Amino acid sequence: MSAMPTFKPTRRFSRRLFLANFVLSWGAVFFAMWIGDSMAAVVVPAMVAMLVGMYGFYTGVGHLDLRAITRADEGGR
């Protein structure tokens, strides 16, 4: 098991960007449900898929970033 890296990225900008997109996406879902069933039938599945994709992308990039830093601390193994 490898030790934690000496430098851990904060990812402040990407975290804020993710949270802004997350809030706006849920806002679009609730707005579509407020407008009516026909709009919600189109918007809700697309927004939920986008939310899942954004979260997966955010955590995936964070994992790759941390793995690259850990490997650099270990000497490139």
PDB file of N, CA and C in Angstrom:
ATOM      1  N   MET A   1       0.848  -1.170   0.000  1.00  0.00           N
ATOM      2  CA  MET A   1       0.000   0.000   0.000  1.00  0.00           C
ATOM      3  C   MET A   1       0.892   1.231   0.000  1.00  0.00           C
ATOM      4  N   SER A   2       0.591   2.192  -0.828  1.00  0.00           N
ATOM      5  CA  SER A   2       1.430   3.377  -0.926  1.00  0.00           C
ATOM      6  C   SER A   2       0.979   4.443   0.076  1.00  0.00           C
ATOM      7  N   ALA A   3       1.936   5.261   0.450  1.00  0.00           N
ATOM      8  CA  ALA A   3       1.652   6.343   1.400  1.00  0.00           C
ATOM      9  C   ALA A   3       0.954   7.487   0.673  1.00  0.00           C
ATOM     10  N   MET A   4       0.301   8.334   1.439  1.00  0.00           N
ATOM     11  CA  MET A   4      -0.354   9.496   0.847  1.00  0.00           C
ATOM     12  C   MET A   4       0.696  10.435   0.290  1.00  0.00           C
ATOM     13  N   PRO A   5       0.405  11.112  -0.806  1.00  0.00           N
ATOM     14  CA  PRO A   5       1.393  12.004  -1.413  1.00  0.00           C
ATOM     15  C   PRO A   5       1.664  13.212  -0.519  1.00  0.00           C
ATOM     16  N   THR A   6       2.835  13.813  -0.741  1.00  0.00           N
ATOM     17  CA  THR A   6       3.187  14.994   0.042  1.00  0.00           C
ATOM     18  C   THR A   6       2.356  16.192  -0.383  1.00  0.00           C
ATOM     19  N   PHE A   7       1.908  16.218  -1.624  1.00  0.00           N
ATOM     20  CA  PHE A   7       1.075  17.306  -2.135  1.00  0.00           C
ATOM     21  C   PHE A   7      -0.246  16.726  -2.598  1.00  0.00           C
ATOM     22  N   LYS A   8      -1.322  17.236  -2.077  1.00  0.00           N
ATOM     23  CA  LYS A   8      -2.652  16.783  -2.500  1.00  0.00           C
ATOM     24  C   LYS A   8      -3.363  17.954  -3.157  1.00  0.00           C
ATOM     25  N   PRO A   9      -3.830  17.785  -4.400  1.00  0.00           N
ATOM     26  CA  PRO A   9      -4.478  18.906  -5.084  1.00  0.00           C
ATOM     27  C   PRO A   9      -5.798  19.284  -4.401  1.00  0.00           C
ATOM     28  N   THR A  10      -6.110  20.573  -4.424  1.00  0.00           N
ATOM     29  CA  THR A  10      -7.344  21.034  -3.791  1.00  0.00           C
ATOM     30  C   THR A  10      -8.523  20.985  -4.754  1.00  0.00           C
ATOM     31  N   ARG A  11      -8.295  21.167  -6.015  1.00  0.00           N
ATOM     32  CA  ARG A  11      -9.334  21.148  -7.066  1.00  0.00           C
ATOM     33  C   ARG A  11     -10.489  22.090  -6.724  1.00  0.00           C
ATOM     34  N   ARG A  12     -10.178  23.278  -6.277  1.00  0.00           N
ATOM     35  CA  ARG A  12     -11.224  24.229  -5.896  1.00  0.00           C
ATOM     36  C   ARG A  12     -12.083  24.637  -7.080  1.00  0.00           C
ATOM     37  N   PHE A  13     -11.441  24.998  -8.205  1.00  0.00           N
ATOM     38  CA  PHE A  13     -12.205  25.470  -9.360  1.00  0.00           C
ATOM     39  C   PHE A  13     -13.110  24.378  -9.901  1.00  0.00           C
ATOM     40  N   SER A  14     -12.576  23.173 -10.065  1.00  0.00           N
ATOM     41  CA  SER A  14     -13.400  22.097 -10.626  1.00  0.00           C
ATOM     42  C   SER A  14     -14.512  21.700  -9.654  1.00  0.00           C
ATOM     43  N   ARG A  15     -14.247  21.788  -8.357  1.00  0.00           N
ATOM     44  CA  ARG A  15     -15.291  21.491  -7.375  1.00  0.00           C
ATOM     45  C   ARG A  15     -16.413  22.520  -7.462  1.00  0.00           C
ATOM     46  N   ARG A  16     -16.054  23.793  -7.578  1.00  0.00           N
ATOM     47  CA  ARG A  16     -17.077  24.842  -7.713  1.00  0.00           C
ATOM     48  C   ARG A  16     -17.846  24.697  -9.011  1.00  0.00           C
ATOM     49  N   LEU A  17     -17.139  24.386 -10.074  1.00  0.00           N
ATOM     50  CA  LEU A  17     -17.801  24.192 -11.366  1.00  0.00           C
ATOM     51  C   LEU A  17     -18.750  23.004 -11.316  1.00  0.00           C
ATOM     52  N   PHE A  18     -18.317  21.913 -10.703  1.00  0.00           N
ATOM     53  CA  PHE A  18     -19.179  20.747 -10.553  1.00  0.00           C
ATOM     54  C   PHE A  18     -20.414  21.085  -9.728  1.00  0.00           C
ATOM     55  N   LEU A  19     -20.226  21.764  -8.612  1.00  0.00           N
ATOM     56  CA  LEU A  19     -21.368  22.108  -7.757  1.00  0.00           C
ATOM     57  C   LEU A  19     -22.335  23.051  -8.454  1.00  0.00           C
ATOM     58  N   ALA A  20     -21.825  24.020  -9.224  1.00  0.00           N
ATOM     59  CA  ALA A  20     -22.702  24.926  -9.970  1.00  0.00           C
ATOM     60  C   ALA A  20     -23.517  24.153 -11.002  1.00  0.00           C
ATOM     61  N   ASN A  21     -22.871  23.253 -11.744  1.00  0.00           N
ATOM     62  CA  ASN A  21     -23.594  22.439 -12.728  1.00  0.00           C
ATOM     63  C   ASN A  21     -24.593  21.511 -12.052  1.00  0.00           C
ATOM     64  N   PHE A  22     -24.226  20.976 -10.901  1.00  0.00           N
ATOM     65  CA  PHE A  22     -25.104  20.093 -10.149  1.00  0.00           C
ATOM     66  C   PHE A  22     -26.376  20.833  -9.727  1.00  0.00           C
ATOM     67  N   VAL A  23     -26.209  22.024  -9.168  1.00  0.00           N
ATOM     68  CA  VAL A  23     -27.358  22.813  -8.719  1.00  0.00           C
ATOM     69  C   VAL A  23     -28.223  23.239  -9.903  1.00  0.00           C
ATOM     70  N   LEU A  24     -27.597  23.696 -10.983  1.00  0.00           N
ATOM     71  CA  LEU A  24     -28.362  24.116 -12.156  1.00  0.00           C
ATOM     72  C   LEU A  24     -29.103  22.941 -12.806  1.00  0.00           C
ATOM     73  N   SER A  25     -28.491  21.772 -12.808  1.00  0.00           N
ATOM     74  CA  SER A  25     -29.155  20.596 -13.383  1.00  0.00           C
ATOM     75  C   SER A  25     -30.382  20.204 -12.570  1.00  0.00           C
ATOM     76  N   TRP A  26     -30.242  20.194 -11.245  1.00  0.00           N
ATOM     77  CA  TRP A  26     -31.407  19.890 -10.412  1.00  0.00           C
ATOM     78  C   TRP A  26     -32.462  20.977 -10.538  1.00  0.00           C
ATOM     79  N   GLY A  27     -32.034  22.216 -10.723  1.00  0.00           N
ATOM     80  CA  GLY A  27     -32.985  23.299 -10.969  1.00  0.00           C
ATOM     81  C   GLY A  27     -33.768  23.070 -12.257  1.00  0.00           C
ATOM     82  N   ALA A  28     -33.076  22.604 -13.288  1.00  0.00           N
ATOM     83  CA  ALA A  28     -33.761  22.304 -14.547  1.00  0.00           C
ATOM     84  C   ALA A  28     -34.735  21.145 -14.389  1.00  0.00           C
ATOM     85  N   VAL A  29     -34.367  20.151 -13.598  1.00  0.00           N
ATOM     86  CA  VAL A  29     -35.262  19.017 -13.353  1.00  0.00           C
ATOM     87  C   VAL A  29     -36.535  19.487 -12.650  1.00  0.00           C
ATOM     88  N   PHE A  30     -36.384  20.262 -11.594  1.00  0.00           N
ATOM     89  CA  PHE A  30     -37.556  20.726 -10.849  1.00  0.00           C
ATOM     90  C   PHE A  30     -38.394  21.702 -11.675  1.00  0.00           C
ATOM     91  N   PHE A  31     -37.748  22.532 -12.481  1.00  0.00           N
ATOM     92  CA  PHE A  31     -38.492  23.453 -13.343  1.00  0.00           C
ATOM     93  C   PHE A  31     -39.295  22.684 -14.385  1.00  0.00           C
ATOM     94  N   ALA A  32     -38.684  21.654 -14.965  1.00  0.00           N
ATOM     95  CA  ALA A  32     -39.398  20.837 -15.958  1.00  0.00           C
ATOM     96  C   ALA A  32     -40.574  20.117 -15.320  1.00  0.00           C
ATOM     97  N   MET A  33     -40.413  19.651 -14.096  1.00  0.00           N
ATOM     98  CA  MET A  33     -41.529  18.987 -13.418  1.00  0.00           C
ATOM     99  C   MET A  33     -42.625  19.996 -13.073  1.00  0.00           C
ATOM    100  N   TRP A  34     -42.248  21.233 -12.797  1.00  0.00           N
ATOM    101  CA  TRP A  34     -43.220  22.271 -12.491  1.00  0.00           C
ATOM    102  C   TRP A  34     -44.018  22.661 -13.735  1.00  0.00           C
ATOM    103  N   ILE A  35     -43.341  22.678 -14.898  1.00  0.00           N
ATOM    104  CA  ILE A  35     -44.015  23.049 -16.150  1.00  0.00           C
ATOM    105  C   ILE A  35     -45.066  22.013 -16.523  1.00  0.00           C
ATOM    106  N   GLY A  36     -44.718  20.746 -16.427  1.00  0.00           N
ATOM    107  CA  GLY A  36     -45.705  19.728 -16.760  1.00  0.00           C
ATOM    108  C   GLY A  36     -45.083  18.385 -17.065  1.00  0.00           C
ATOM    109  N   ASP A  37     -45.975  17.403 -17.216  1.00  0.00           N
ATOM    110  CA  ASP A  37     -45.520  16.025 -17.428  1.00  0.00           C
ATOM    111  C   ASP A  37     -44.800  15.834 -18.748  1.00  0.00           C
ATOM    112  N   SER A  38     -45.271  16.504 -19.785  1.00  0.00           N
ATOM    113  CA  SER A  38     -44.646  16.294 -21.095  1.00  0.00           C
ATOM    114  C   SER A  38     -43.213  16.820 -21.123  1.00  0.00           C
ATOM    115  N   MET A  39     -42.975  17.950 -20.471  1.00  0.00           N
ATOM    116  CA  MET A  39     -41.618  18.484 -20.418  1.00  0.00           C
ATOM    117  C   MET A  39     -40.739  17.640 -19.496  1.00  0.00           C
ATOM    118  N   ALA A  40     -41.291  17.195 -18.382  1.00  0.00           N
ATOM    119  CA  ALA A  40     -40.521  16.390 -17.431  1.00  0.00           C
ATOM    120  C   ALA A  40     -40.111  15.055 -18.046  1.00  0.00           C
ATOM    121  N   ALA A  41     -40.951  14.506 -18.914  1.00  0.00           N
ATOM    122  CA  ALA A  41     -40.636  13.226 -19.543  1.00  0.00           C
ATOM    123  C   ALA A  41     -39.397  13.330 -20.431  1.00  0.00           C
ATOM    124  N   VAL A  42     -39.115  14.519 -20.924  1.00  0.00           N
ATOM    125  CA  VAL A  42     -37.952  14.718 -21.791  1.00  0.00           C
ATOM    126  C   VAL A  42     -36.729  15.148 -20.975  1.00  0.00           C
ATOM    127  N   VAL A  43     -36.928  16.070 -20.065  1.00  0.00           N
ATOM    128  CA  VAL A  43     -35.806  16.699 -19.375  1.00  0.00           C
ATOM    129  C   VAL A  43     -35.244  15.833 -18.250  1.00  0.00           C
ATOM    130  N   VAL A  44     -36.088  15.206 -17.471  1.00  0.00           N
ATOM    131  CA  VAL A  44     -35.618  14.486 -16.284  1.00  0.00           C
ATOM    132  C   VAL A  44     -34.633  13.362 -16.633  1.00  0.00           C
ATOM    133  N   PRO A  45     -34.922  12.472 -17.568  1.00  0.00           N
ATOM    134  CA  PRO A  45     -33.921  11.427 -17.870  1.00  0.00           C
ATOM    135  C   PRO A  45     -32.599  11.987 -18.396  1.00  0.00           C
ATOM    136  N   ALA A  46     -32.684  13.035 -19.208  1.00  0.00           N
ATOM    137  CA  ALA A  46     -31.457  13.630 -19.739  1.00  0.00           C
ATOM    138  C   ALA A  46     -30.628  14.285 -18.638  1.00  0.00           C
ATOM    139  N   MET A  47     -31.289  14.984 -17.740  1.00  0.00           N
ATOM    140  CA  MET A  47     -30.565  15.654 -16.658  1.00  0.00           C
ATOM    141  C   MET A  47     -29.994  14.655 -15.653  1.00  0.00           C
ATOM    142  N   VAL A  48     -30.716  13.618 -15.358  1.00  0.00           N
ATOM    143  CA  VAL A  48     -30.194  12.601 -14.438  1.00  0.00           C
ATOM    144  C   VAL A  48     -28.976  11.914 -15.060  1.00  0.00           C
ATOM    145  N   ALA A  49     -29.043  11.613 -16.337  1.00  0.00           N
ATOM    146  CA  ALA A  49     -27.884  11.022 -17.019  1.00  0.00           C
ATOM    147  C   ALA A  49     -26.704  11.986 -17.004  1.00  0.00           C
ATOM    148  N   MET A  50     -26.979  13.274 -17.194  1.00  0.00           N
ATOM    149  CA  MET A  50     -25.906  14.256 -17.171  1.00  0.00           C
ATOM    150  C   MET A  50     -25.306  14.383 -15.768  1.00  0.00           C
ATOM    151  N   LEU A  51     -26.147  14.340 -14.742  1.00  0.00           N
ATOM    152  CA  LEU A  51     -25.645  14.412 -13.368  1.00  0.00           C
ATOM    153  C   LEU A  51     -24.749  13.228 -13.041  1.00  0.00           C
ATOM    154  N   VAL A  52     -25.163  12.042 -13.433  1.00  0.00           N
ATOM    155  CA  VAL A  52     -24.353  10.847 -13.181  1.00  0.00           C
ATOM    156  C   VAL A  52     -23.043  10.926 -13.956  1.00  0.00           C
ATOM    157  N   GLY A  53     -23.115  11.376 -15.194  1.00  0.00           N
ATOM    158  CA  GLY A  53     -21.909  11.518 -16.006  1.00  0.00           C
ATOM    159  C   GLY A  53     -20.944  12.552 -15.446  1.00  0.00           C
ATOM    160  N   MET A  54     -21.481  13.683 -14.994  1.00  0.00           N
ATOM    161  CA  MET A  54     -20.622  14.723 -14.411  1.00  0.00           C
ATOM    162  C   MET A  54     -19.929  14.215 -13.160  1.00  0.00           C
ATOM    163  N   TYR A  55     -20.668  13.527 -12.295  1.00  0.00           N
ATOM    164  CA  TYR A  55     -20.071  13.011 -11.067  1.00  0.00           C
ATOM    165  C   TYR A  55     -18.991  11.966 -11.390  1.00  0.00           C
ATOM    166  N   GLY A  56     -19.280  11.090 -12.335  1.00  0.00           N
ATOM    167  CA  GLY A  56     -18.292  10.085 -12.734  1.00  0.00           C
ATOM    168  C   GLY A  56     -17.044  10.715 -13.323  1.00  0.00           C
ATOM    169  N   PHE A  57     -17.219  11.727 -14.150  1.00  0.00           N
ATOM    170  CA  PHE A  57     -16.080  12.417 -14.747  1.00  0.00           C
ATOM    171  C   PHE A  57     -15.268  13.141 -13.676  1.00  0.00           C
ATOM    172  N   TYR A  58     -15.946  13.823 -12.764  1.00  0.00           N
ATOM    173  CA  TYR A  58     -15.272  14.570 -11.697  1.00  0.00           C
ATOM    174  C   TYR A  58     -14.456  13.639 -10.809  1.00  0.00           C
ATOM    175  N   THR A  59     -15.044  12.547 -10.377  1.00  0.00           N
ATOM    176  CA  THR A  59     -14.311  11.625  -9.508  1.00  0.00           C
ATOM    177  C   THR A  59     -13.239  10.862 -10.280  1.00  0.00           C
ATOM    178  N   GLY A  60     -13.489  10.559 -11.542  1.00  0.00           N
ATOM    179  CA  GLY A  60     -12.487   9.863 -12.351  1.00  0.00           C
ATOM    180  C   GLY A  60     -11.251  10.704 -12.581  1.00  0.00           C
ATOM    181  N   VAL A  61     -11.449  11.972 -12.910  1.00  0.00           N
ATOM    182  CA  VAL A  61     -10.307  12.866 -13.109  1.00  0.00           C
ATOM    183  C   VAL A  61      -9.564  13.069 -11.800  1.00  0.00           C
ATOM    184  N   GLY A  62     -10.294  13.188 -10.704  1.00  0.00           N
ATOM    185  CA  GLY A  62      -9.644  13.326  -9.403  1.00  0.00           C
ATOM    186  C   GLY A  62      -8.813  12.105  -9.058  1.00  0.00           C
ATOM    187  N   HIS A  63      -9.339  10.922  -9.372  1.00  0.00           N
ATOM    188  CA  HIS A  63      -8.594   9.686  -9.112  1.00  0.00           C
ATOM    189  C   HIS A  63      -7.315   9.646  -9.938  1.00  0.00           C
ATOM    190  N   LEU A  64      -7.421   9.978 -11.221  1.00  0.00           N
ATOM    191  CA  LEU A  64      -6.236   9.950 -12.083  1.00  0.00           C
ATOM    192  C   LEU A  64      -5.205  10.982 -11.639  1.00  0.00           C
ATOM    193  N   ASP A  65      -5.676  12.137 -11.193  1.00  0.00           N
ATOM    194  CA  ASP A  65      -4.779  13.176 -10.712  1.00  0.00           C
ATOM    195  C   ASP A  65      -4.036  12.711  -9.465  1.00  0.00           C
ATOM    196  N   LEU A  66      -4.753  12.160  -8.522  1.00  0.00           N
ATOM    197  CA  LEU A  66      -4.122  11.680  -7.294  1.00  0.00           C
ATOM    198  C   LEU A  66      -3.182  10.514  -7.569  1.00  0.00           C
ATOM    199  N   ARG A  67      -3.553   9.633  -8.493  1.00  0.00           N
ATOM    200  CA  ARG A  67      -2.680   8.517  -8.840  1.00  0.00           C
ATOM    201  C   ARG A  67      -1.384   9.001  -9.479  1.00  0.00           C
ATOM    202  N   ALA A  68      -1.482  10.026 -10.345  1.00  0.00           N
ATOM    203  CA  ALA A  68      -0.278  10.563 -10.975  1.00  0.00           C
ATOM    204  C   ALA A  68       0.641  11.204  -9.946  1.00  0.00           C
ATOM    205  N   ILE A  69       0.074  11.905  -8.984  1.00  0.00           N
ATOM    206  CA  ILE A  69       0.893  12.528  -7.941  1.00  0.00           C
ATOM    207  C   ILE A  69       1.541  11.459  -7.068  1.00  0.00           C
ATOM    208  N   THR A  70       0.789  10.415  -6.735  1.00  0.00           N
ATOM    209  CA  THR A  70       1.325   9.335  -5.920  1.00  0.00           C
ATOM    210  C   THR A  70       2.466   8.628  -6.636  1.00  0.00           C
ATOM    211  N   ARG A  71       2.294   8.379  -7.916  1.00  0.00           N
ATOM    212  CA  ARG A  71       3.372   7.730  -8.678  1.00  0.00           C
ATOM    213  C   ARG A  71       4.600   8.620  -8.777  1.00  0.00           C
ATOM    214  N   ALA A  72       4.397   9.923  -8.916  1.00  0.00           N
ATOM    215  CA  ALA A  72       5.537  10.827  -8.982  1.00  0.00           C
ATOM    216  C   ALA A  72       6.293  10.837  -7.661  1.00  0.00           C
ATOM    217  N   ASP A  73       5.566  10.756  -6.535  1.00  0.00           N
ATOM    218  CA  ASP A  73       6.218  10.705  -5.223  1.00  0.00           C
ATOM    219  C   ASP A  73       6.986   9.402  -5.012  1.00  0.00           C
ATOM    220  N   GLU A  74       6.521   8.327  -5.629  1.00  0.00           N
ATOM    221  CA  GLU A  74       7.175   7.026  -5.479  1.00  0.00           C
ATOM    222  C   GLU A  74       8.352   6.869  -6.419  1.00  0.00           C
ATOM    223  N   GLY A  75       8.546   7.788  -7.321  1.00  0.00           N
ATOM    224  CA  GLY A  75       9.670   7.690  -8.250  1.00  0.00           C
ATOM    225  C   GLY A  75       9.283   7.163  -9.612  1.00  0.00           C
ATOM    226  N   GLY A  76       7.997   7.206  -9.982  1.00  0.00           N
ATOM    227  CA  GLY A  76       7.575   6.829 -11.304  1.00  0.00           C
ATOM    228  C   GLY A  76       7.310   5.358 -11.522  1.00  0.00           C
ATOM    229  N   ARG A  77       7.065   4.599 -10.482  1.00  0.00           N
ATOM    230  CA  ARG A  77       6.788   3.161 -10.636  1.00  0.00           C
ATOM    231  C   ARG A  77       5.480   2.911 -11.286  1.00  0.00           C
TER     232      ARG A  77
END
